[in-house]
Amino acid sequence: MGFWAAVRFLTIFPTPKRYKIEDREIGASLTYFPLIGLGIGAILTGLDYGLGLLLPMAVVNALLILVLAIVTGALHLDGFVDTCDGVISGKTPEERLTIMRDSRTGAFGVIGAFLLLLVKYAALVSISGKLRMPALFLMPALARWTLVGAIFFFPYARSSGMGLPFKQGARRVRLILATVITLAASLVLLKGLGLVIIMSLGLIILGIATYLRSRLGGLTGDSYGAINEASEVTFLVLLILFSQWL
């Protein structure tokens, strides 16, 4: 049941049965986050190949970003916007958390989303050749792996909320399994470069999560989404950077 809970939370795809997800299933879903990411990556890779036969690559890259937002229900992007609004606008942790719960979008959220999508688009434009397929395949998987790590290592900032059951169900064994899945996929597709990128990405996201904790007193469901979005962009930039160096 944990797998289908992960599908339901991370994508818009229907699950075989409509049932009320229990908290224990929400916790168990963390193990499958990288697998769901690989599934999303497979969709992006297939679309990249098919659309590339018909359209200019600039258009293909824009469509891939659009599809990624649609497939995930823009859940993580919404969290990124709310996090930008709250973290930058508020003066105290309590005020920041209140702003993040406001359904209205502020200027910082709009600017943050624009810059995020701009960098993501520019990075995709810059990746071609042999790295193209691994980049699209691994980007969603590694991002969701960092999500599992953030949920496990950092406290939850609220006494309730959508992200709380994930935090309560975070277990070391689930983090280990998610890491093994991510590492195996990275080594297969990128070999040694995959290990370098995983380590670098983990350190960068650790820094981002630590900053968010200092501003909010912990992490929330919105900041989980922000971490996912930041991880996708960071992964693409690291792949470009290290592929040039190595």
C-alpha atoms as a PDB file:
ATOM      1  CA  MET A   1       0.000   0.000   0.000  1.00  0.00           C
ATOM      2  CA  GLY A   2       2.956   2.324   0.569  1.00  0.00           C
ATOM      3  CA  PHE A   3       3.729   2.345  -3.153  1.00  0.00           C
ATOM      4  CA  TRP A   4       0.225   3.429  -4.120  1.00  0.00           C
ATOM      5  CA  ALA A   5       0.259   6.046  -1.384  1.00  0.00           C
ATOM      6  CA  ALA A   6       3.430   7.456  -2.955  1.00  0.00           C
ATOM      7  CA  VAL A   7       1.782   7.479  -6.384  1.00  0.00           C
ATOM      8  CA  ARG A   8      -1.229   9.306  -5.011  1.00  0.00           C
ATOM      9  CA  PHE A   9       0.774  11.965  -3.187  1.00  0.00           C
ATOM     10  CA  LEU A  10       3.476  12.587  -5.779  1.00  0.00           C
ATOM     11  CA  THR A  11       1.497  12.387  -9.034  1.00  0.00           C
ATOM     12  CA  ILE A  12      -1.939  12.953 -10.503  1.00  0.00           C
ATOM     13  CA  PHE A  13      -2.212   9.350 -11.666  1.00  0.00           C
ATOM     14  CA  PRO A  14      -5.102   7.281 -10.299  1.00  0.00           C
ATOM     15  CA  THR A  15      -4.417   4.282  -8.086  1.00  0.00           C
ATOM     16  CA  PRO A  16      -6.114   0.882  -8.548  1.00  0.00           C
ATOM     17  CA  LYS A  17      -8.334   1.303  -5.511  1.00  0.00           C
ATOM     18  CA  ARG A  18      -9.896   4.334  -3.940  1.00  0.00           C
ATOM     19  CA  TYR A  19      -9.314   3.994  -0.232  1.00  0.00           C
ATOM     20  CA  LYS A  20      -8.506   6.136   2.735  1.00  0.00           C
ATOM     21  CA  ILE A  21      -4.766   6.183   3.206  1.00  0.00           C
ATOM     22  CA  GLU A  22      -3.684   5.390   6.745  1.00  0.00           C
ATOM     23  CA  ASP A  23      -0.811   7.191   8.438  1.00  0.00           C
ATOM     24  CA  ARG A  24       1.298   4.031   8.421  1.00  0.00           C
ATOM     25  CA  GLU A  25       0.926   3.827   4.637  1.00  0.00           C
ATOM     26  CA  ILE A  26       1.983   7.452   4.304  1.00  0.00           C
ATOM     27  CA  GLY A  27       5.154   6.681   6.233  1.00  0.00           C
ATOM     28  CA  ALA A  28       5.803   3.541   4.187  1.00  0.00           C
ATOM     29  CA  SER A  29       5.462   5.550   0.977  1.00  0.00           C
ATOM     30  CA  LEU A  30       8.803   7.269   1.640  1.00  0.00           C
ATOM     31  CA  THR A  31      10.651   4.138   0.523  1.00  0.00           C
ATOM     32  CA  TYR A  32       9.116   4.452  -2.924  1.00  0.00           C
ATOM     33  CA  PHE A  33       9.709   8.169  -3.516  1.00  0.00           C
ATOM     34  CA  PRO A  34      12.774   7.590  -5.762  1.00  0.00           C
ATOM     35  CA  LEU A  35      10.903   4.887  -7.707  1.00  0.00           C
ATOM     36  CA  ILE A  36       8.069   7.300  -8.414  1.00  0.00           C
ATOM     37  CA  GLY A  37      10.707   9.806  -9.459  1.00  0.00           C
ATOM     38  CA  LEU A  38      12.170   7.289 -11.893  1.00  0.00           C
ATOM     39  CA  GLY A  39       8.689   6.721 -13.312  1.00  0.00           C
ATOM     40  CA  ILE A  40       8.266  10.451 -13.850  1.00  0.00           C
ATOM     41  CA  GLY A  41      11.727  10.520 -15.401  1.00  0.00           C
ATOM     42  CA  ALA A  42      10.745   7.751 -17.802  1.00  0.00           C
ATOM     43  CA  ILE A  43       7.769   9.834 -18.934  1.00  0.00           C
ATOM     44  CA  LEU A  44      10.001  12.855 -19.513  1.00  0.00           C
ATOM     45  CA  THR A  45      12.566  10.764 -21.390  1.00  0.00           C
ATOM     46  CA  GLY A  46       9.933   9.245 -23.687  1.00  0.00           C
ATOM     47  CA  LEU A  47       8.354  12.619 -24.400  1.00  0.00           C
ATOM     48  CA  ASP A  48      11.769  14.148 -25.033  1.00  0.00           C
ATOM     49  CA  TYR A  49      12.477  11.562 -27.709  1.00  0.00           C
ATOM     50  CA  GLY A  50       9.056  11.755 -29.353  1.00  0.00           C
ATOM     51  CA  LEU A  51       8.675  15.524 -29.258  1.00  0.00           C
ATOM     52  CA  GLY A  52      12.270  15.938 -30.408  1.00  0.00           C
ATOM     53  CA  LEU A  53      11.331  14.341 -33.721  1.00  0.00           C
ATOM     54  CA  LEU A  54       8.674  16.971 -34.333  1.00  0.00           C
ATOM     55  CA  LEU A  55       9.649  20.202 -32.595  1.00  0.00           C
ATOM     56  CA  PRO A  56      12.699  22.409 -31.966  1.00  0.00           C
ATOM     57  CA  MET A  57      14.513  21.557 -28.763  1.00  0.00           C
ATOM     58  CA  ALA A  58      13.723  24.920 -27.194  1.00  0.00           C
ATOM     59  CA  VAL A  59      10.022  24.123 -27.443  1.00  0.00           C
ATOM     60  CA  VAL A  60      10.600  20.558 -26.243  1.00  0.00           C
ATOM     61  CA  ASN A  61      12.351  21.794 -23.102  1.00  0.00           C
ATOM     62  CA  ALA A  62       9.511  24.160 -22.291  1.00  0.00           C
ATOM     63  CA  LEU A  63       6.974  21.378 -22.794  1.00  0.00           C
ATOM     64  CA  LEU A  64       8.930  19.021 -20.541  1.00  0.00           C
ATOM     65  CA  ILE A  65       8.804  21.564 -17.724  1.00  0.00           C
ATOM     66  CA  LEU A  66       5.073  21.966 -18.343  1.00  0.00           C
ATOM     67  CA  VAL A  67       4.497  18.197 -18.295  1.00  0.00           C
ATOM     68  CA  LEU A  68       6.514  17.841 -15.091  1.00  0.00           C
ATOM     69  CA  ALA A  69       4.299  20.405 -13.397  1.00  0.00           C
ATOM     70  CA  ILE A  70       1.133  18.725 -14.683  1.00  0.00           C
ATOM     71  CA  VAL A  71       2.172  15.182 -13.723  1.00  0.00           C
ATOM     72  CA  THR A  72       2.961  16.272 -10.166  1.00  0.00           C
ATOM     73  CA  GLY A  73      -0.134  18.459  -9.897  1.00  0.00           C
ATOM     74  CA  ALA A  74       2.272  21.406  -9.426  1.00  0.00           C
ATOM     75  CA  LEU A  75       2.347  20.358  -5.752  1.00  0.00           C
ATOM     76  CA  HIS A  76       6.047  20.994  -5.240  1.00  0.00           C
ATOM     77  CA  LEU A  77       6.020  24.204  -7.252  1.00  0.00           C
ATOM     78  CA  ASP A  78       3.179  25.492  -5.105  1.00  0.00           C
ATOM     79  CA  GLY A  79       5.179  24.677  -1.992  1.00  0.00           C
ATOM     80  CA  PHE A  80       8.182  26.502  -3.410  1.00  0.00           C
ATOM     81  CA  VAL A  81       6.083  29.616  -4.050  1.00  0.00           C
ATOM     82  CA  ASP A  82       4.598  29.568  -0.540  1.00  0.00           C
ATOM     83  CA  THR A  83       8.015  29.027   1.000  1.00  0.00           C
ATOM     84  CA  CYS A  84       9.517  31.987  -0.853  1.00  0.00           C
ATOM     85  CA  ASP A  85       6.678  34.195   0.347  1.00  0.00           C
ATOM     86  CA  GLY A  86       6.901  33.105   3.969  1.00  0.00           C
ATOM     87  CA  VAL A  87      10.646  32.788   4.446  1.00  0.00           C
ATOM     88  CA  ILE A  88      11.457  36.157   2.876  1.00  0.00           C
ATOM     89  CA  SER A  89       8.453  38.205   4.006  1.00  0.00           C
ATOM     90  CA  GLY A  90       7.948  37.184   7.627  1.00  0.00           C
ATOM     91  CA  LYS A  91       9.855  38.624  10.578  1.00  0.00           C
ATOM     92  CA  THR A  92       9.382  35.726  13.007  1.00  0.00           C
ATOM     93  CA  PRO A  93       8.962  31.960  12.541  1.00  0.00           C
ATOM     94  CA  GLU A  94       5.306  32.197  13.542  1.00  0.00           C
ATOM     95  CA  GLU A  95       4.629  35.000  11.075  1.00  0.00           C
ATOM     96  CA  ARG A  96       6.431  33.147   8.301  1.00  0.00           C
ATOM     97  CA  LEU A  97       4.381  30.012   8.901  1.00  0.00           C
ATOM     98  CA  THR A  98       1.183  32.066   8.835  1.00  0.00           C
ATOM     99  CA  ILE A  99       2.144  33.672   5.521  1.00  0.00           C
ATOM    100  CA  MET A 100       2.915  30.262   4.030  1.00  0.00           C
ATOM    101  CA  ARG A 101      -0.619  29.115   4.844  1.00  0.00           C
ATOM    102  CA  ASP A 102      -2.158  32.115   3.077  1.00  0.00           C
ATOM    103  CA  SER A 103      -3.705  31.031  -0.232  1.00  0.00           C
ATOM    104  CA  ARG A 104      -2.712  34.341  -1.833  1.00  0.00           C
ATOM    105  CA  THR A 105       0.587  34.522  -3.709  1.00  0.00           C
ATOM    106  CA  GLY A 106       2.959  37.364  -2.934  1.00  0.00           C
ATOM    107  CA  ALA A 107       5.616  39.084  -4.987  1.00  0.00           C
ATOM    108  CA  PHE A 108       8.467  36.977  -3.587  1.00  0.00           C
ATOM    109  CA  GLY A 109       6.659  33.785  -4.536  1.00  0.00           C
ATOM    110  CA  VAL A 110       6.093  34.950  -8.105  1.00  0.00           C
ATOM    111  CA  ILE A 111       9.684  36.134  -8.499  1.00  0.00           C
ATOM    112  CA  GLY A 112      11.035  32.930  -6.977  1.00  0.00           C
ATOM    113  CA  ALA A 113       8.956  30.710  -9.274  1.00  0.00           C
ATOM    114  CA  PHE A 114      10.001  32.717 -12.329  1.00  0.00           C
ATOM    115  CA  LEU A 115      13.690  32.451 -11.494  1.00  0.00           C
ATOM    116  CA  LEU A 116      13.390  28.754 -10.653  1.00  0.00           C
ATOM    117  CA  LEU A 117      11.718  27.906 -13.968  1.00  0.00           C
ATOM    118  CA  LEU A 118      14.166  30.117 -15.849  1.00  0.00           C
ATOM    119  CA  VAL A 119      17.180  28.286 -14.433  1.00  0.00           C
ATOM    120  CA  LYS A 120      15.537  24.907 -15.002  1.00  0.00           C
ATOM    121  CA  TYR A 121      14.818  25.787 -18.623  1.00  0.00           C
ATOM    122  CA  ALA A 122      18.334  27.138 -19.213  1.00  0.00           C
ATOM    123  CA  ALA A 123      19.841  23.994 -17.683  1.00  0.00           C
ATOM    124  CA  LEU A 124      17.745  21.697 -19.872  1.00  0.00           C
ATOM    125  CA  VAL A 125      18.742  23.695 -22.946  1.00  0.00           C
ATOM    126  CA  SER A 126      22.389  23.173 -21.997  1.00  0.00           C
ATOM    127  CA  ILE A 127      22.142  19.391 -21.642  1.00  0.00           C
ATOM    128  CA  SER A 128      22.300  17.300 -24.795  1.00  0.00           C
ATOM    129  CA  GLY A 129      23.960  14.225 -26.216  1.00  0.00           C
ATOM    130  CA  LYS A 130      24.722  11.293 -23.936  1.00  0.00           C
ATOM    131  CA  LEU A 131      23.789  13.179 -20.775  1.00  0.00           C
ATOM    132  CA  ARG A 132      20.286  14.044 -21.935  1.00  0.00           C
ATOM    133  CA  MET A 133      18.602  10.748 -21.092  1.00  0.00           C
ATOM    134  CA  PRO A 134      20.277  10.285 -17.678  1.00  0.00           C
ATOM    135  CA  ALA A 135      19.467  13.886 -16.773  1.00  0.00           C
ATOM    136  CA  LEU A 136      15.750  13.525 -17.476  1.00  0.00           C
ATOM    137  CA  PHE A 137      15.570  10.081 -15.909  1.00  0.00           C
ATOM    138  CA  LEU A 138      17.383  10.956 -12.685  1.00  0.00           C
ATOM    139  CA  MET A 139      16.274  14.530 -12.039  1.00  0.00           C
ATOM    140  CA  PRO A 140      12.897  13.606 -10.464  1.00  0.00           C
ATOM    141  CA  ALA A 141      14.341  10.576  -8.658  1.00  0.00           C
ATOM    142  CA  LEU A 142      17.227  12.374  -6.949  1.00  0.00           C
ATOM    143  CA  ALA A 143      14.956  15.267  -6.002  1.00  0.00           C
ATOM    144  CA  ARG A 144      12.538  12.935  -4.251  1.00  0.00           C
ATOM    145  CA  TRP A 145      15.417  11.166  -2.544  1.00  0.00           C
ATOM    146  CA  THR A 146      16.531  14.469  -1.008  1.00  0.00           C
ATOM    147  CA  LEU A 147      12.928  14.898   0.095  1.00  0.00           C
ATOM    148  CA  VAL A 148      13.106  11.655   2.073  1.00  0.00           C
ATOM    149  CA  GLY A 149      16.346  12.801   3.676  1.00  0.00           C
ATOM    150  CA  ALA A 150      14.913  16.189   4.633  1.00  0.00           C
ATOM    151  CA  ILE A 151      11.832  14.566   6.147  1.00  0.00           C
ATOM    152  CA  PHE A 152      13.965  12.145   8.168  1.00  0.00           C
ATOM    153  CA  PHE A 153      16.674  14.493   9.472  1.00  0.00           C
ATOM    154  CA  PHE A 154      14.772  17.697  10.194  1.00  0.00           C
ATOM    155  CA  PRO A 155      11.950  18.386  12.668  1.00  0.00           C
ATOM    156  CA  TYR A 156       8.462  19.348  11.561  1.00  0.00           C
ATOM    157  CA  ALA A 157       7.591  22.972  12.277  1.00  0.00           C
ATOM    158  CA  ARG A 158       3.843  22.595  12.867  1.00  0.00           C
ATOM    159  CA  SER A 159       1.723  20.542  15.246  1.00  0.00           C
ATOM    160  CA  SER A 160      -0.445  19.491  12.287  1.00  0.00           C
ATOM    161  CA  GLY A 161      -0.404  19.616   8.518  1.00  0.00           C
ATOM    162  CA  MET A 162      -0.180  17.505   5.375  1.00  0.00           C
ATOM    163  CA  GLY A 163       3.512  16.809   5.878  1.00  0.00           C
ATOM    164  CA  LEU A 164       3.272  15.658   9.498  1.00  0.00           C
ATOM    165  CA  PRO A 165       2.343  11.998   8.753  1.00  0.00           C
ATOM    166  CA  PHE A 166       5.411  11.742   6.520  1.00  0.00           C
ATOM    167  CA  LYS A 167       7.623  12.986   9.335  1.00  0.00           C
ATOM    168  CA  GLN A 168       5.996  10.626  11.837  1.00  0.00           C
ATOM    169  CA  GLY A 169       6.535   7.698   9.472  1.00  0.00           C
ATOM    170  CA  ALA A 170      10.147   8.527   8.634  1.00  0.00           C
ATOM    171  CA  ARG A 171      12.288   5.540   9.600  1.00  0.00           C
ATOM    172  CA  ARG A 172      15.984   4.942   9.091  1.00  0.00           C
ATOM    173  CA  VAL A 173      15.334   1.752   7.118  1.00  0.00           C
ATOM    174  CA  ARG A 174      13.090   3.667   4.697  1.00  0.00           C
ATOM    175  CA  LEU A 175      15.767   6.280   4.152  1.00  0.00           C
ATOM    176  CA  ILE A 176      18.350   3.548   3.556  1.00  0.00           C
ATOM    177  CA  LEU A 177      16.162   1.745   1.018  1.00  0.00           C
ATOM    178  CA  ALA A 178      15.386   4.995  -0.796  1.00  0.00           C
ATOM    179  CA  THR A 179      19.111   5.769  -0.870  1.00  0.00           C
ATOM    180  CA  VAL A 180      19.983   2.333  -2.253  1.00  0.00           C
ATOM    181  CA  ILE A 181      17.429   2.729  -5.057  1.00  0.00           C
ATOM    182  CA  THR A 182      18.715   6.204  -5.906  1.00  0.00           C
ATOM    183  CA  LEU A 183      22.361   5.210  -5.765  1.00  0.00           C
ATOM    184  CA  ALA A 184      21.819   2.141  -7.940  1.00  0.00           C
ATOM    185  CA  ALA A 185      19.994   4.132 -10.611  1.00  0.00           C
ATOM    186  CA  SER A 186      22.643   6.858 -10.559  1.00  0.00           C
ATOM    187  CA  LEU A 187      25.531   4.416 -10.878  1.00  0.00           C
ATOM    188  CA  VAL A 188      23.861   2.598 -13.758  1.00  0.00           C
ATOM    189  CA  LEU A 189      23.103   5.766 -15.715  1.00  0.00           C
ATOM    190  CA  LEU A 190      26.039   8.004 -14.768  1.00  0.00           C
ATOM    191  CA  LYS A 191      28.589   5.586 -13.284  1.00  0.00           C
ATOM    192  CA  GLY A 192      31.106   7.369 -11.017  1.00  0.00           C
ATOM    193  CA  LEU A 193      29.720  10.767 -11.913  1.00  0.00           C
ATOM    194  CA  GLY A 194      26.439   9.722 -10.331  1.00  0.00           C
ATOM    195  CA  LEU A 195      28.100   9.158  -6.955  1.00  0.00           C
ATOM    196  CA  VAL A 196      29.818  12.548  -7.094  1.00  0.00           C
ATOM    197  CA  ILE A 197      26.544  14.277  -7.919  1.00  0.00           C
ATOM    198  CA  ILE A 198      24.599  12.460  -5.176  1.00  0.00           C
ATOM    199  CA  MET A 199      27.132  13.492  -2.546  1.00  0.00           C
ATOM    200  CA  SER A 200      27.253  17.092  -3.770  1.00  0.00           C
ATOM    201  CA  LEU A 201      23.491  17.371  -4.068  1.00  0.00           C
ATOM    202  CA  GLY A 202      23.017  15.949  -0.583  1.00  0.00           C
ATOM    203  CA  LEU A 203      25.376  18.524   0.938  1.00  0.00           C
ATOM    204  CA  ILE A 204      23.736  21.446  -0.865  1.00  0.00           C
ATOM    205  CA  ILE A 205      20.219  20.388   0.116  1.00  0.00           C
ATOM    206  CA  LEU A 206      21.428  19.874   3.679  1.00  0.00           C
ATOM    207  CA  GLY A 207      22.449  23.523   3.667  1.00  0.00           C
ATOM    208  CA  ILE A 208      19.126  24.662   2.197  1.00  0.00           C
ATOM    209  CA  ALA A 209      17.118  22.601   4.697  1.00  0.00           C
ATOM    210  CA  THR A 210      19.218  23.948   7.572  1.00  0.00           C
ATOM    211  CA  TYR A 211      18.497  27.493   6.434  1.00  0.00           C
ATOM    212  CA  LEU A 212      14.765  26.791   6.198  1.00  0.00           C
ATOM    213  CA  ARG A 213      14.817  25.303   9.679  1.00  0.00           C
ATOM    214  CA  SER A 214      16.503  28.426  11.030  1.00  0.00           C
ATOM    215  CA  ARG A 215      13.762  30.577   9.496  1.00  0.00           C
ATOM    216  CA  LEU A 216      10.771  28.397  10.332  1.00  0.00           C
ATOM    217  CA  GLY A 217      11.800  26.399  13.390  1.00  0.00           C
ATOM    218  CA  GLY A 218      11.574  23.219  11.303  1.00  0.00           C
ATOM    219  CA  LEU A 219      10.236  22.088   7.954  1.00  0.00           C
ATOM    220  CA  THR A 220       6.673  21.958   6.636  1.00  0.00           C
ATOM    221  CA  GLY A 221       4.855  20.395   3.727  1.00  0.00           C
ATOM    222  CA  ASP A 222       5.507  23.564   1.725  1.00  0.00           C
ATOM    223  CA  SER A 223       9.207  23.526   2.465  1.00  0.00           C
ATOM    224  CA  TYR A 224       9.313  19.861   1.410  1.00  0.00           C
ATOM    225  CA  GLY A 225       8.003  21.006  -1.958  1.00  0.00           C
ATOM    226  CA  ALA A 226      10.554  23.806  -2.076  1.00  0.00           C
ATOM    227  CA  ILE A 227      13.361  21.340  -1.382  1.00  0.00           C
ATOM    228  CA  ASN A 228      12.147  19.096  -4.186  1.00  0.00           C
ATOM    229  CA  GLU A 229      12.137  21.980  -6.676  1.00  0.00           C
ATOM    230  CA  ALA A 230      15.532  23.228  -5.520  1.00  0.00           C
ATOM    231  CA  SER A 231      16.920  19.702  -5.848  1.00  0.00           C
ATOM    232  CA  GLU A 232      15.765  19.307  -9.449  1.00  0.00           C
ATOM    233  CA  VAL A 233      17.448  22.534 -10.510  1.00  0.00           C
ATOM    234  CA  THR A 234      20.573  21.853  -8.463  1.00  0.00           C
ATOM    235  CA  PHE A 235      20.932  18.377  -9.939  1.00  0.00           C
ATOM    236  CA  LEU A 236      20.823  19.736 -13.500  1.00  0.00           C
ATOM    237  CA  VAL A 237      23.381  22.440 -12.721  1.00  0.00           C
ATOM    238  CA  LEU A 238      25.695  19.960 -10.983  1.00  0.00           C
ATOM    239  CA  LEU A 239      25.442  17.569 -13.913  1.00  0.00           C
ATOM    240  CA  ILE A 240      26.496  20.314 -16.314  1.00  0.00           C
ATOM    241  CA  LEU A 241      29.270  21.484 -14.025  1.00  0.00           C
ATOM    242  CA  PHE A 242      30.823  18.113 -13.238  1.00  0.00           C
ATOM    243  CA  SER A 243      30.463  16.773 -16.782  1.00  0.00           C
ATOM    244  CA  GLN A 244      32.566  19.698 -18.003  1.00  0.00           C
ATOM    245  CA  TRP A 245      35.198  19.203 -15.312  1.00  0.00           C
ATOM    246  CA  LEU A 246      35.422  15.423 -15.664  1.00  0.00           C
END
